[in-house]
Amino acid sequence: MIHVIATVELNPGTRDKFLAEFRKLIPDVKAEAGCIEYGPTVDAETDIPIQFKVGPDRVVVIEKWETVAALKAHGVAPHMQAYRAKVKDYVRGMELRVLSPA
């Protein structure tokens, strides 16, 4: 199993529009072979002083996949290509971390 942390940097003020498109994508991704977990996250409001906030213009996607091959297949799936076209005006960049359990 692998863990994926994808931080999506958005153009200012576009997070709600981005999340609306992202949420439409979730059922298709969860139906993919090898997908264990897939969902968007934003800052939780807490009073924890050491919390690092990603801010209003970022979404962090938390994913778990059975294998790297499943993650690679996800990246080229037709629904992912269609999704990228729909959100291209919202996304400034992305940072991807692929991790193994320690």
N, C-alpha and C. Protein backbone atom coordinates (compact mmCIF):
# COMPACT_ATOMS: atom_id res chain seq x y z
N MET A 1 0.85 -1.18 0.00
CA MET A 1 0.00 0.00 0.00
C MET A 1 0.89 1.24 0.00
N ILE A 2 0.41 2.29 -0.67
CA ILE A 2 1.09 3.57 -0.65
C ILE A 2 0.10 4.66 -0.21
N HIS A 3 0.66 5.70 0.36
CA HIS A 3 -0.11 6.87 0.75
C HIS A 3 0.29 8.00 -0.19
N VAL A 4 -0.67 8.80 -0.59
CA VAL A 4 -0.40 9.93 -1.46
C VAL A 4 -0.98 11.18 -0.82
N ILE A 5 -0.15 12.21 -0.75
CA ILE A 5 -0.58 13.52 -0.28
C ILE A 5 -0.37 14.47 -1.45
N ALA A 6 -1.46 14.95 -2.02
CA ALA A 6 -1.39 15.86 -3.17
C ALA A 6 -1.89 17.23 -2.71
N THR A 7 -1.02 18.20 -2.72
CA THR A 7 -1.40 19.56 -2.34
C THR A 7 -1.63 20.36 -3.62
N VAL A 8 -2.85 20.83 -3.78
CA VAL A 8 -3.24 21.57 -4.98
C VAL A 8 -3.29 23.05 -4.63
N GLU A 9 -2.47 23.84 -5.30
CA GLU A 9 -2.48 25.28 -5.09
C GLU A 9 -3.43 25.90 -6.11
N LEU A 10 -4.34 26.72 -5.61
CA LEU A 10 -5.41 27.27 -6.45
C LEU A 10 -5.24 28.77 -6.65
N ASN A 11 -5.80 29.25 -7.73
CA ASN A 11 -5.88 30.69 -7.93
C ASN A 11 -6.77 31.25 -6.82
N PRO A 12 -6.43 32.44 -6.32
CA PRO A 12 -7.21 33.02 -5.22
C PRO A 12 -8.71 33.06 -5.51
N GLY A 13 -9.48 32.63 -4.50
CA GLY A 13 -10.93 32.71 -4.59
C GLY A 13 -11.61 31.63 -5.40
N THR A 14 -10.89 30.59 -5.81
CA THR A 14 -11.49 29.56 -6.67
C THR A 14 -11.72 28.23 -5.95
N ARG A 15 -11.43 28.17 -4.66
CA ARG A 15 -11.50 26.88 -3.96
C ARG A 15 -12.88 26.25 -4.02
N ASP A 16 -13.95 27.01 -3.81
CA ASP A 16 -15.29 26.43 -3.83
C ASP A 16 -15.63 25.84 -5.20
N LYS A 17 -15.27 26.54 -6.26
CA LYS A 17 -15.52 26.03 -7.62
C LYS A 17 -14.70 24.77 -7.88
N PHE A 18 -13.44 24.79 -7.45
CA PHE A 18 -12.59 23.62 -7.60
C PHE A 18 -13.18 22.43 -6.86
N LEU A 19 -13.57 22.63 -5.60
CA LEU A 19 -14.12 21.53 -4.81
C LEU A 19 -15.41 20.98 -5.40
N ALA A 20 -16.22 21.83 -6.00
CA ALA A 20 -17.46 21.36 -6.63
C ALA A 20 -17.14 20.37 -7.75
N GLU A 21 -16.14 20.68 -8.57
CA GLU A 21 -15.73 19.77 -9.64
C GLU A 21 -15.06 18.52 -9.06
N PHE A 22 -14.24 18.70 -8.05
CA PHE A 22 -13.53 17.58 -7.45
C PHE A 22 -14.52 16.56 -6.87
N ARG A 23 -15.53 17.04 -6.18
CA ARG A 23 -16.50 16.13 -5.56
C ARG A 23 -17.25 15.29 -6.59
N LYS A 24 -17.45 15.82 -7.78
CA LYS A 24 -18.08 15.04 -8.86
C LYS A 24 -17.19 13.87 -9.28
N LEU A 25 -15.89 14.04 -9.14
CA LEU A 25 -14.91 13.05 -9.57
C LEU A 25 -14.77 11.88 -8.60
N ILE A 26 -15.03 12.11 -7.34
CA ILE A 26 -14.73 11.12 -6.30
C ILE A 26 -15.33 9.74 -6.56
N PRO A 27 -16.61 9.60 -6.93
CA PRO A 27 -17.14 8.25 -7.15
C PRO A 27 -16.38 7.47 -8.24
N ASP A 28 -15.99 8.15 -9.30
CA ASP A 28 -15.24 7.48 -10.37
C ASP A 28 -13.88 7.01 -9.87
N VAL A 29 -13.22 7.83 -9.08
CA VAL A 29 -11.90 7.44 -8.57
C VAL A 29 -12.02 6.30 -7.58
N LYS A 30 -12.99 6.37 -6.69
CA LYS A 30 -13.15 5.29 -5.70
C LYS A 30 -13.51 3.96 -6.36
N ALA A 31 -14.05 4.01 -7.57
CA ALA A 31 -14.37 2.78 -8.30
C ALA A 31 -13.16 2.20 -9.03
N GLU A 32 -12.07 2.93 -9.08
CA GLU A 32 -10.86 2.45 -9.77
C GLU A 32 -10.25 1.27 -9.02
N ALA A 33 -9.67 0.35 -9.78
CA ALA A 33 -8.95 -0.77 -9.18
C ALA A 33 -7.79 -0.24 -8.35
N GLY A 34 -7.71 -0.69 -7.11
CA GLY A 34 -6.59 -0.33 -6.26
C GLY A 34 -6.80 0.90 -5.40
N CYS A 35 -7.91 1.60 -5.57
CA CYS A 35 -8.16 2.79 -4.75
C CYS A 35 -8.70 2.35 -3.39
N ILE A 36 -8.03 2.78 -2.33
CA ILE A 36 -8.47 2.48 -0.97
C ILE A 36 -9.14 3.70 -0.34
N GLU A 37 -8.58 4.86 -0.59
CA GLU A 37 -9.10 6.10 -0.01
C GLU A 37 -8.78 7.26 -0.94
N TYR A 38 -9.70 8.23 -1.04
CA TYR A 38 -9.50 9.38 -1.92
C TYR A 38 -10.44 10.49 -1.50
N GLY A 39 -9.89 11.60 -1.05
CA GLY A 39 -10.77 12.70 -0.67
C GLY A 39 -10.03 14.00 -0.43
N PRO A 40 -10.73 15.12 -0.64
CA PRO A 40 -10.12 16.43 -0.43
C PRO A 40 -10.22 16.85 1.03
N THR A 41 -9.24 17.64 1.48
CA THR A 41 -9.27 18.18 2.82
C THR A 41 -8.86 19.65 2.77
N VAL A 42 -9.34 20.40 3.76
CA VAL A 42 -8.96 21.81 3.95
C VAL A 42 -8.63 21.98 5.43
N ASP A 43 -8.12 23.14 5.78
CA ASP A 43 -7.74 23.40 7.17
C ASP A 43 -8.91 23.18 8.12
N ALA A 44 -8.66 22.44 9.18
CA ALA A 44 -9.62 22.33 10.28
C ALA A 44 -9.41 23.54 11.19
N GLU A 45 -10.50 24.07 11.69
CA GLU A 45 -10.41 25.19 12.62
C GLU A 45 -10.16 24.63 14.02
N THR A 46 -8.99 24.89 14.54
CA THR A 46 -8.62 24.43 15.88
C THR A 46 -7.92 25.55 16.63
N ASP A 47 -7.69 25.31 17.90
CA ASP A 47 -6.89 26.25 18.68
C ASP A 47 -5.52 25.64 19.01
N ILE A 48 -5.08 24.71 18.19
CA ILE A 48 -3.78 24.08 18.40
C ILE A 48 -2.70 25.02 17.88
N PRO A 49 -1.84 25.53 18.76
CA PRO A 49 -0.90 26.58 18.35
C PRO A 49 0.15 26.14 17.32
N ILE A 50 0.49 24.88 17.26
CA ILE A 50 1.52 24.46 16.31
C ILE A 50 0.95 23.98 14.97
N GLN A 51 -0.37 24.12 14.79
CA GLN A 51 -0.98 23.69 13.54
C GLN A 51 -0.45 24.53 12.38
N PHE A 52 0.00 23.85 11.33
CA PHE A 52 0.41 24.52 10.11
C PHE A 52 -0.79 24.55 9.19
N LYS A 53 -1.25 25.74 8.84
CA LYS A 53 -2.42 25.85 7.97
C LYS A 53 -1.98 26.00 6.53
N VAL A 54 -2.68 25.30 5.64
CA VAL A 54 -2.35 25.38 4.22
C VAL A 54 -2.97 26.60 3.57
N GLY A 55 -3.98 27.18 4.19
CA GLY A 55 -4.56 28.42 3.70
C GLY A 55 -5.77 28.23 2.81
N PRO A 56 -6.43 29.34 2.48
CA PRO A 56 -7.70 29.28 1.74
C PRO A 56 -7.55 28.95 0.26
N ASP A 57 -6.33 28.97 -0.25
CA ASP A 57 -6.12 28.73 -1.68
C ASP A 57 -5.40 27.41 -1.95
N ARG A 58 -5.57 26.46 -1.03
CA ARG A 58 -4.99 25.12 -1.21
C ARG A 58 -5.99 24.07 -0.75
N VAL A 59 -5.94 22.94 -1.43
CA VAL A 59 -6.69 21.75 -1.04
C VAL A 59 -5.67 20.62 -0.96
N VAL A 60 -5.74 19.84 0.09
CA VAL A 60 -4.85 18.69 0.24
C VAL A 60 -5.68 17.43 0.03
N VAL A 61 -5.29 16.65 -0.97
CA VAL A 61 -6.00 15.41 -1.29
C VAL A 61 -5.26 14.27 -0.59
N ILE A 62 -6.00 13.51 0.19
CA ILE A 62 -5.46 12.36 0.91
C ILE A 62 -5.89 11.10 0.17
N GLU A 63 -4.90 10.30 -0.22
CA GLU A 63 -5.17 9.10 -1.02
C GLU A 63 -4.44 7.90 -0.44
N LYS A 64 -5.01 6.73 -0.65
CA LYS A 64 -4.33 5.47 -0.39
C LYS A 64 -4.59 4.57 -1.58
N TRP A 65 -3.54 3.93 -2.06
CA TRP A 65 -3.61 3.03 -3.21
C TRP A 65 -2.94 1.72 -2.86
N GLU A 66 -3.44 0.65 -3.46
CA GLU A 66 -2.84 -0.67 -3.21
C GLU A 66 -1.41 -0.76 -3.74
N THR A 67 -1.17 -0.14 -4.92
CA THR A 67 0.15 -0.24 -5.55
C THR A 67 0.47 1.06 -6.31
N VAL A 68 1.74 1.21 -6.63
CA VAL A 68 2.16 2.34 -7.47
C VAL A 68 1.54 2.21 -8.86
N ALA A 69 1.42 0.98 -9.35
CA ALA A 69 0.80 0.77 -10.66
C ALA A 69 -0.64 1.28 -10.68
N ALA A 70 -1.38 1.07 -9.59
CA ALA A 70 -2.76 1.57 -9.52
C ALA A 70 -2.78 3.09 -9.53
N LEU A 71 -1.83 3.72 -8.84
CA LEU A 71 -1.74 5.18 -8.85
C LEU A 71 -1.41 5.70 -10.25
N LYS A 72 -0.50 5.03 -10.93
CA LYS A 72 -0.15 5.44 -12.30
C LYS A 72 -1.36 5.31 -13.23
N ALA A 73 -2.12 4.24 -13.10
CA ALA A 73 -3.31 4.05 -13.93
C ALA A 73 -4.34 5.15 -13.63
N HIS A 74 -4.46 5.52 -12.37
CA HIS A 74 -5.36 6.61 -11.97
C HIS A 74 -4.99 7.90 -12.70
N GLY A 75 -3.71 8.18 -12.77
CA GLY A 75 -3.26 9.43 -13.38
C GLY A 75 -3.62 9.59 -14.84
N VAL A 76 -3.81 8.48 -15.54
CA VAL A 76 -4.12 8.55 -16.98
C VAL A 76 -5.55 8.11 -17.30
N ALA A 77 -6.34 7.88 -16.27
CA ALA A 77 -7.73 7.46 -16.49
C ALA A 77 -8.50 8.55 -17.25
N PRO A 78 -9.42 8.18 -18.13
CA PRO A 78 -10.18 9.17 -18.90
C PRO A 78 -10.91 10.20 -18.04
N HIS A 79 -11.48 9.75 -16.90
CA HIS A 79 -12.17 10.72 -16.04
C HIS A 79 -11.21 11.73 -15.42
N MET A 80 -9.96 11.34 -15.22
CA MET A 80 -8.97 12.28 -14.69
C MET A 80 -8.59 13.32 -15.75
N GLN A 81 -8.49 12.87 -16.98
CA GLN A 81 -8.17 13.82 -18.07
C GLN A 81 -9.30 14.83 -18.23
N ALA A 82 -10.54 14.37 -18.16
CA ALA A 82 -11.69 15.27 -18.28
C ALA A 82 -11.74 16.23 -17.10
N TYR A 83 -11.46 15.73 -15.90
CA TYR A 83 -11.44 16.56 -14.69
C TYR A 83 -10.39 17.66 -14.80
N ARG A 84 -9.19 17.30 -15.24
CA ARG A 84 -8.11 18.30 -15.37
C ARG A 84 -8.51 19.44 -16.31
N ALA A 85 -9.21 19.11 -17.37
CA ALA A 85 -9.67 20.15 -18.30
C ALA A 85 -10.67 21.08 -17.62
N LYS A 86 -11.52 20.52 -16.75
CA LYS A 86 -12.54 21.32 -16.08
C LYS A 86 -11.97 22.25 -15.01
N VAL A 87 -10.85 21.86 -14.39
CA VAL A 87 -10.30 22.66 -13.28
C VAL A 87 -9.05 23.44 -13.65
N LYS A 88 -8.63 23.38 -14.91
CA LYS A 88 -7.37 24.02 -15.30
C LYS A 88 -7.32 25.51 -15.00
N ASP A 89 -8.44 26.20 -15.05
CA ASP A 89 -8.45 27.64 -14.76
C ASP A 89 -8.38 27.94 -13.27
N TYR A 90 -8.55 26.93 -12.42
CA TYR A 90 -8.49 27.13 -10.98
C TYR A 90 -7.13 26.78 -10.39
N VAL A 91 -6.39 25.87 -11.04
CA VAL A 91 -5.18 25.29 -10.47
C VAL A 91 -3.93 26.07 -10.90
N ARG A 92 -3.15 26.48 -9.90
CA ARG A 92 -1.87 27.15 -10.15
C ARG A 92 -0.72 26.15 -10.16
N GLY A 93 -0.85 25.09 -9.38
CA GLY A 93 0.22 24.11 -9.29
C GLY A 93 -0.17 22.98 -8.36
N MET A 94 0.70 21.96 -8.33
CA MET A 94 0.43 20.81 -7.48
C MET A 94 1.74 20.24 -6.98
N GLU A 95 1.70 19.77 -5.76
CA GLU A 95 2.86 19.11 -5.15
C GLU A 95 2.41 17.70 -4.74
N LEU A 96 3.13 16.69 -5.15
CA LEU A 96 2.74 15.30 -4.91
C LEU A 96 3.76 14.61 -4.02
N ARG A 97 3.26 13.96 -2.98
CA ARG A 97 4.12 13.12 -2.12
C ARG A 97 3.57 11.70 -2.19
N VAL A 98 4.41 10.76 -2.51
CA VAL A 98 4.05 9.34 -2.53
C VAL A 98 4.87 8.67 -1.44
N LEU A 99 4.19 8.08 -0.47
CA LEU A 99 4.84 7.59 0.74
C LEU A 99 4.50 6.12 1.00
N SER A 100 5.42 5.43 1.65
CA SER A 100 5.20 4.05 2.08
C SER A 100 5.03 4.03 3.59
N PRO A 101 4.22 3.10 4.10
CA PRO A 101 4.14 2.98 5.56
C PRO A 101 5.52 2.65 6.14
N ALA A 102 5.82 3.22 7.26
CA ALA A 102 7.15 3.00 7.88
C ALA A 102 7.10 1.85 8.87
